[in-house]
Amino acid sequence: MEVASDIGTFLVRSVMMLFLLVVMLRVLLQVARADFYNPISQAIVKITNPLLLPLRRIIPGFGGLDMAGILLAILVQIAAIILLFTMNGFGFPPVANMIAWAGLGLIALILDIYWVMVLVGIVASFIAPYNDHPALLLVRQFTEPVLAPFRKLLPAMGGLDLSPILFFLALGVGEILLANGAAAIGVPRSLVLGF
């Protein structure tokens, strides 16, 4: 019986995590002002539109942020928490806890997304520096806004870009702060997406 429960938890967690990842990518690509007509962007839009468009009728954007997308991500995170808690026999967690856990889980997911995107950008710059593949163009558009401030801190190094090192250091500090905050409010890391 425990094996079936573990498989169910794994499947629910995986499917919910994939959808949450797509929703957060949509929000972050809009923040980065990435190419809307990129085929990958179009796929993300088609996947998220059925749930996002009804929310957009109710919740407008604010300051360049897709508030409906952020709300959808929080709702997906809360739905995953409820499903995982009930599947594991823990009952229904308090609403305030779920909202706090969902927020911290989304921040952890955003940090992971940026970590992966910057790493892909670094590897691609060595393997295919001038490639115009849609995925690599999207990675460049996605990472440029976060790496630009770090480039300004460093002197010119003759074509060598060390800004990702500073970015990874800042990201590591952010992850430590997030982990301590999550521990302080008792986030059940195995049952919250993003951790």
C-alpha atoms as a PDB file:
ATOM      1  CA  MET A   1       0.000   0.000   0.000  1.00  0.00           C
ATOM      2  CA  GLU A   2       2.895   2.354   0.782  1.00  0.00           C
ATOM      3  CA  VAL A   3       4.326   1.809  -2.716  1.00  0.00           C
ATOM      4  CA  ALA A   4       1.049   2.918  -4.337  1.00  0.00           C
ATOM      5  CA  SER A   5       0.998   6.011  -2.111  1.00  0.00           C
ATOM      6  CA  ASP A   6       4.601   6.853  -3.045  1.00  0.00           C
ATOM      7  CA  ILE A   7       3.844   6.428  -6.754  1.00  0.00           C
ATOM      8  CA  GLY A   8       0.729   8.596  -6.469  1.00  0.00           C
ATOM      9  CA  THR A   9       2.652  11.294  -4.600  1.00  0.00           C
ATOM     10  CA  PHE A  10       5.426  11.186  -7.193  1.00  0.00           C
ATOM     11  CA  LEU A  11       2.986  11.483 -10.110  1.00  0.00           C
ATOM     12  CA  VAL A  12       0.957  14.311  -8.557  1.00  0.00           C
ATOM     13  CA  ARG A  13       4.104  16.186  -7.561  1.00  0.00           C
ATOM     14  CA  SER A  14       5.653  15.775 -11.020  1.00  0.00           C
ATOM     15  CA  VAL A  15       2.582  16.845 -13.011  1.00  0.00           C
ATOM     16  CA  MET A  16       1.834  19.798 -10.744  1.00  0.00           C
ATOM     17  CA  MET A  17       5.500  20.853 -10.799  1.00  0.00           C
ATOM     18  CA  LEU A  18       5.623  20.786 -14.598  1.00  0.00           C
ATOM     19  CA  PHE A  19       2.501  22.942 -14.883  1.00  0.00           C
ATOM     20  CA  LEU A  20       3.742  25.320 -12.181  1.00  0.00           C
ATOM     21  CA  LEU A  21       7.054  25.605 -14.019  1.00  0.00           C
ATOM     22  CA  VAL A  22       5.271  26.543 -17.251  1.00  0.00           C
ATOM     23  CA  VAL A  23       3.140  29.151 -15.446  1.00  0.00           C
ATOM     24  CA  MET A  24       6.196  30.702 -13.784  1.00  0.00           C
ATOM     25  CA  LEU A  25       8.081  30.719 -17.082  1.00  0.00           C
ATOM     26  CA  ARG A  26       5.199  32.642 -18.622  1.00  0.00           C
ATOM     27  CA  VAL A  27       5.315  35.216 -15.823  1.00  0.00           C
ATOM     28  CA  LEU A  28       9.109  35.533 -15.941  1.00  0.00           C
ATOM     29  CA  LEU A  29       9.294  35.719 -19.730  1.00  0.00           C
ATOM     30  CA  GLN A  30       6.832  38.598 -19.631  1.00  0.00           C
ATOM     31  CA  VAL A  31       8.950  40.338 -16.979  1.00  0.00           C
ATOM     32  CA  ALA A  32      12.058  39.838 -19.152  1.00  0.00           C
ATOM     33  CA  ARG A  33      10.097  41.084 -22.188  1.00  0.00           C
ATOM     34  CA  ALA A  34      11.182  38.031 -24.153  1.00  0.00           C
ATOM     35  CA  ASP A  35      10.117  37.521 -27.758  1.00  0.00           C
ATOM     36  CA  PHE A  36       6.418  36.640 -27.734  1.00  0.00           C
ATOM     37  CA  TYR A  37       6.656  35.104 -31.219  1.00  0.00           C
ATOM     38  CA  ASN A  38       9.391  32.645 -30.267  1.00  0.00           C
ATOM     39  CA  PRO A  39       7.980  29.109 -30.782  1.00  0.00           C
ATOM     40  CA  ILE A  40       8.787  28.164 -27.183  1.00  0.00           C
ATOM     41  CA  SER A  41       7.033  31.284 -25.896  1.00  0.00           C
ATOM     42  CA  GLN A  42       4.036  30.415 -28.048  1.00  0.00           C
ATOM     43  CA  ALA A  43       3.923  26.889 -26.594  1.00  0.00           C
ATOM     44  CA  ILE A  44       4.024  28.299 -23.056  1.00  0.00           C
ATOM     45  CA  VAL A  45       1.202  30.705 -23.924  1.00  0.00           C
ATOM     46  CA  LYS A  46      -0.958  27.928 -25.404  1.00  0.00           C
ATOM     47  CA  ILE A  47      -0.478  25.715 -22.351  1.00  0.00           C
ATOM     48  CA  THR A  48      -1.309  28.439 -19.822  1.00  0.00           C
ATOM     49  CA  ASN A  49      -4.057  30.362 -21.650  1.00  0.00           C
ATOM     50  CA  PRO A  50      -7.012  28.124 -20.673  1.00  0.00           C
ATOM     51  CA  LEU A  51      -6.559  28.939 -16.979  1.00  0.00           C
ATOM     52  CA  LEU A  52      -4.870  32.323 -17.275  1.00  0.00           C
ATOM     53  CA  LEU A  53      -7.275  34.165 -19.589  1.00  0.00           C
ATOM     54  CA  PRO A  54     -10.295  33.900 -17.230  1.00  0.00           C
ATOM     55  CA  LEU A  55      -8.146  35.230 -14.383  1.00  0.00           C
ATOM     56  CA  ARG A  56      -6.942  38.135 -16.521  1.00  0.00           C
ATOM     57  CA  ARG A  57     -10.528  39.297 -16.965  1.00  0.00           C
ATOM     58  CA  ILE A  58     -10.723  39.758 -13.198  1.00  0.00           C
ATOM     59  CA  ILE A  59      -7.145  40.667 -12.228  1.00  0.00           C
ATOM     60  CA  PRO A  60      -5.258  43.316 -14.215  1.00  0.00           C
ATOM     61  CA  GLY A  61      -1.490  43.525 -14.525  1.00  0.00           C
ATOM     62  CA  PHE A  62       0.413  45.884 -12.249  1.00  0.00           C
ATOM     63  CA  GLY A  63       3.747  47.561 -12.939  1.00  0.00           C
ATOM     64  CA  GLY A  64       4.689  45.191 -15.753  1.00  0.00           C
ATOM     65  CA  LEU A  65       3.866  42.127 -13.654  1.00  0.00           C
ATOM     66  CA  ASP A  66       1.277  39.616 -14.731  1.00  0.00           C
ATOM     67  CA  MET A  67      -0.692  39.524 -11.487  1.00  0.00           C
ATOM     68  CA  ALA A  68      -3.100  36.941 -12.904  1.00  0.00           C
ATOM     69  CA  GLY A  69      -0.144  34.682 -13.708  1.00  0.00           C
ATOM     70  CA  ILE A  70       1.256  35.103 -10.206  1.00  0.00           C
ATOM     71  CA  LEU A  71      -2.155  34.306  -8.706  1.00  0.00           C
ATOM     72  CA  LEU A  72      -2.447  31.237 -10.946  1.00  0.00           C
ATOM     73  CA  ALA A  73       0.986  30.057  -9.781  1.00  0.00           C
ATOM     74  CA  ILE A  74      -0.025  30.517  -6.134  1.00  0.00           C
ATOM     75  CA  LEU A  75      -3.305  28.658  -6.731  1.00  0.00           C
ATOM     76  CA  VAL A  76      -1.486  25.771  -8.450  1.00  0.00           C
ATOM     77  CA  GLN A  77       0.981  25.643  -5.568  1.00  0.00           C
ATOM     78  CA  ILE A  78      -1.839  25.618  -2.981  1.00  0.00           C
ATOM     79  CA  ALA A  79      -3.716  22.909  -4.917  1.00  0.00           C
ATOM     80  CA  ALA A  80      -0.536  20.807  -4.966  1.00  0.00           C
ATOM     81  CA  ILE A  81      -0.027  21.313  -1.229  1.00  0.00           C
ATOM     82  CA  ILE A  82      -3.621  20.249  -0.489  1.00  0.00           C
ATOM     83  CA  LEU A  83      -3.341  17.181  -2.740  1.00  0.00           C
ATOM     84  CA  LEU A  84       0.020  16.106  -1.340  1.00  0.00           C
ATOM     85  CA  PHE A  85      -1.064  16.641   2.257  1.00  0.00           C
ATOM     86  CA  THR A  86      -4.278  14.667   1.854  1.00  0.00           C
ATOM     87  CA  MET A  87      -2.606  11.890  -0.147  1.00  0.00           C
ATOM     88  CA  ASN A  88      -0.065  11.450   2.637  1.00  0.00           C
ATOM     89  CA  GLY A  89      -2.733  11.396   5.350  1.00  0.00           C
ATOM     90  CA  PHE A  90      -1.821  14.715   6.992  1.00  0.00           C
ATOM     91  CA  GLY A  91      -5.219  16.357   6.642  1.00  0.00           C
ATOM     92  CA  PHE A  92      -5.895  19.902   5.534  1.00  0.00           C
ATOM     93  CA  PRO A  93      -3.192  22.453   6.515  1.00  0.00           C
ATOM     94  CA  PRO A  94      -4.199  25.941   7.744  1.00  0.00           C
ATOM     95  CA  VAL A  95      -4.872  28.434   4.922  1.00  0.00           C
ATOM     96  CA  ALA A  96      -2.383  31.020   6.229  1.00  0.00           C
ATOM     97  CA  ASN A  97       0.357  28.383   6.289  1.00  0.00           C
ATOM     98  CA  MET A  98      -0.483  27.268   2.760  1.00  0.00           C
ATOM     99  CA  ILE A  99      -0.260  30.824   1.426  1.00  0.00           C
ATOM    100  CA  ALA A 100       3.109  31.414   3.130  1.00  0.00           C
ATOM    101  CA  TRP A 101       4.419  28.031   1.971  1.00  0.00           C
ATOM    102  CA  ALA A 102       3.196  28.687  -1.583  1.00  0.00           C
ATOM    103  CA  GLY A 103       4.974  32.044  -1.690  1.00  0.00           C
ATOM    104  CA  LEU A 104       8.256  30.616  -0.445  1.00  0.00           C
ATOM    105  CA  GLY A 105       7.952  27.662  -2.821  1.00  0.00           C
ATOM    106  CA  LEU A 106       7.482  30.033  -5.768  1.00  0.00           C
ATOM    107  CA  ILE A 107      10.522  32.077  -4.755  1.00  0.00           C
ATOM    108  CA  ALA A 108      12.560  28.862  -4.530  1.00  0.00           C
ATOM    109  CA  LEU A 109      11.304  27.842  -7.970  1.00  0.00           C
ATOM    110  CA  ILE A 110      12.233  31.236  -9.452  1.00  0.00           C
ATOM    111  CA  LEU A 111      15.758  30.919  -8.049  1.00  0.00           C
ATOM    112  CA  ASP A 112      16.042  27.431  -9.551  1.00  0.00           C
ATOM    113  CA  ILE A 113      14.771  28.638 -12.938  1.00  0.00           C
ATOM    114  CA  TYR A 114      17.342  31.424 -13.059  1.00  0.00           C
ATOM    115  CA  TRP A 115      20.099  29.066 -11.925  1.00  0.00           C
ATOM    116  CA  VAL A 116      19.329  26.636 -14.742  1.00  0.00           C
ATOM    117  CA  MET A 117      18.884  29.370 -17.377  1.00  0.00           C
ATOM    118  CA  VAL A 118      22.199  31.054 -16.532  1.00  0.00           C
ATOM    119  CA  LEU A 119      23.963  27.681 -16.520  1.00  0.00           C
ATOM    120  CA  VAL A 120      22.468  26.812 -19.928  1.00  0.00           C
ATOM    121  CA  GLY A 121      23.580  30.227 -21.191  1.00  0.00           C
ATOM    122  CA  ILE A 122      27.143  29.617 -19.988  1.00  0.00           C
ATOM    123  CA  VAL A 123      27.349  26.183 -21.593  1.00  0.00           C
ATOM    124  CA  ALA A 124      25.770  27.459 -24.827  1.00  0.00           C
ATOM    125  CA  SER A 125      28.253  30.330 -25.001  1.00  0.00           C
ATOM    126  CA  PHE A 126      31.067  27.775 -25.182  1.00  0.00           C
ATOM    127  CA  ILE A 127      29.393  25.192 -27.414  1.00  0.00           C
ATOM    128  CA  ALA A 128      27.343  27.380 -29.777  1.00  0.00           C
ATOM    129  CA  PRO A 129      28.117  31.049 -29.093  1.00  0.00           C
ATOM    130  CA  TYR A 130      26.357  32.498 -32.134  1.00  0.00           C
ATOM    131  CA  ASN A 131      23.556  29.990 -32.525  1.00  0.00           C
ATOM    132  CA  ASP A 132      20.111  31.390 -33.315  1.00  0.00           C
ATOM    133  CA  HIS A 133      18.144  28.421 -32.018  1.00  0.00           C
ATOM    134  CA  PRO A 134      14.840  29.628 -30.474  1.00  0.00           C
ATOM    135  CA  ALA A 135      15.678  28.064 -27.098  1.00  0.00           C
ATOM    136  CA  LEU A 136      19.067  29.774 -26.921  1.00  0.00           C
ATOM    137  CA  LEU A 137      17.606  33.107 -28.003  1.00  0.00           C
ATOM    138  CA  LEU A 138      15.026  32.793 -25.246  1.00  0.00           C
ATOM    139  CA  VAL A 139      17.710  31.910 -22.689  1.00  0.00           C
ATOM    140  CA  ARG A 140      19.690  35.015 -23.674  1.00  0.00           C
ATOM    141  CA  GLN A 141      16.621  37.243 -23.466  1.00  0.00           C
ATOM    142  CA  PHE A 142      15.726  35.682 -20.134  1.00  0.00           C
ATOM    143  CA  THR A 143      19.133  35.988 -18.475  1.00  0.00           C
ATOM    144  CA  GLU A 144      20.319  39.335 -19.822  1.00  0.00           C
ATOM    145  CA  PRO A 145      18.231  41.460 -17.402  1.00  0.00           C
ATOM    146  CA  VAL A 146      19.591  39.592 -14.358  1.00  0.00           C
ATOM    147  CA  LEU A 147      23.226  39.476 -15.493  1.00  0.00           C
ATOM    148  CA  ALA A 148      23.446  43.116 -16.682  1.00  0.00           C
ATOM    149  CA  PRO A 149      23.729  44.616 -13.166  1.00  0.00           C
ATOM    150  CA  PHE A 150      26.560  42.213 -12.332  1.00  0.00           C
ATOM    151  CA  ARG A 151      28.392  43.124 -15.561  1.00  0.00           C
ATOM    152  CA  LYS A 152      28.357  46.765 -14.497  1.00  0.00           C
ATOM    153  CA  LEU A 153      30.171  45.840 -11.272  1.00  0.00           C
ATOM    154  CA  LEU A 154      33.052  44.160 -13.086  1.00  0.00           C
ATOM    155  CA  PRO A 155      35.779  45.885 -15.120  1.00  0.00           C
ATOM    156  CA  ALA A 156      36.255  44.962 -18.798  1.00  0.00           C
ATOM    157  CA  MET A 157      38.141  41.673 -19.012  1.00  0.00           C
ATOM    158  CA  GLY A 158      38.883  41.382 -22.711  1.00  0.00           C
ATOM    159  CA  GLY A 159      35.786  39.448 -23.743  1.00  0.00           C
ATOM    160  CA  LEU A 160      35.659  37.266 -20.631  1.00  0.00           C
ATOM    161  CA  ASP A 161      32.314  37.561 -18.847  1.00  0.00           C
ATOM    162  CA  LEU A 162      32.563  36.779 -15.143  1.00  0.00           C
ATOM    163  CA  SER A 163      29.146  38.169 -14.252  1.00  0.00           C
ATOM    164  CA  PRO A 164      27.643  34.666 -13.857  1.00  0.00           C
ATOM    165  CA  ILE A 165      30.062  34.014 -10.989  1.00  0.00           C
ATOM    166  CA  LEU A 166      28.760  37.055  -9.103  1.00  0.00           C
ATOM    167  CA  PHE A 167      25.217  36.047 -10.004  1.00  0.00           C
ATOM    168  CA  PHE A 168      25.720  32.522  -8.605  1.00  0.00           C
ATOM    169  CA  LEU A 169      27.214  33.981  -5.396  1.00  0.00           C
ATOM    170  CA  ALA A 170      24.190  36.263  -4.957  1.00  0.00           C
ATOM    171  CA  LEU A 171      21.881  33.353  -5.778  1.00  0.00           C
ATOM    172  CA  GLY A 172      23.599  31.182  -3.166  1.00  0.00           C
ATOM    173  CA  VAL A 173      23.071  33.870  -0.528  1.00  0.00           C
ATOM    174  CA  GLY A 174      19.417  34.125  -1.571  1.00  0.00           C
ATOM    175  CA  GLU A 175      18.958  30.356  -1.292  1.00  0.00           C
ATOM    176  CA  ILE A 176      20.488  30.317   2.202  1.00  0.00           C
ATOM    177  CA  LEU A 177      18.169  33.121   3.329  1.00  0.00           C
ATOM    178  CA  LEU A 178      15.194  31.350   1.778  1.00  0.00           C
ATOM    179  CA  ALA A 179      16.070  28.010   3.408  1.00  0.00           C
ATOM    180  CA  ASN A 180      16.367  29.685   6.814  1.00  0.00           C
ATOM    181  CA  GLY A 181      13.056  31.495   6.313  1.00  0.00           C
ATOM    182  CA  ALA A 182      11.384  28.258   5.260  1.00  0.00           C
ATOM    183  CA  ALA A 183      12.764  26.443   8.304  1.00  0.00           C
ATOM    184  CA  ALA A 184      11.622  29.277  10.589  1.00  0.00           C
ATOM    185  CA  ILE A 185       7.981  28.962   9.505  1.00  0.00           C
ATOM    186  CA  GLY A 186       8.044  25.163   9.285  1.00  0.00           C
ATOM    187  CA  VAL A 187       7.703  24.586   5.542  1.00  0.00           C
ATOM    188  CA  PRO A 188       7.313  20.846   4.847  1.00  0.00           C
ATOM    189  CA  ARG A 189       9.849  20.853   2.009  1.00  0.00           C
ATOM    190  CA  SER A 190       8.859  17.488   0.586  1.00  0.00           C
ATOM    191  CA  LEU A 191       5.229  18.591   0.204  1.00  0.00           C
ATOM    192  CA  VAL A 192       5.763  22.096  -1.234  1.00  0.00           C
ATOM    193  CA  LEU A 193       6.708  22.462  -4.893  1.00  0.00           C
ATOM    194  CA  GLY A 194       9.903  24.358  -5.586  1.00  0.00           C
ATOM    195  CA  PHE A 195      11.915  22.978  -2.688  1.00  0.00           C
END
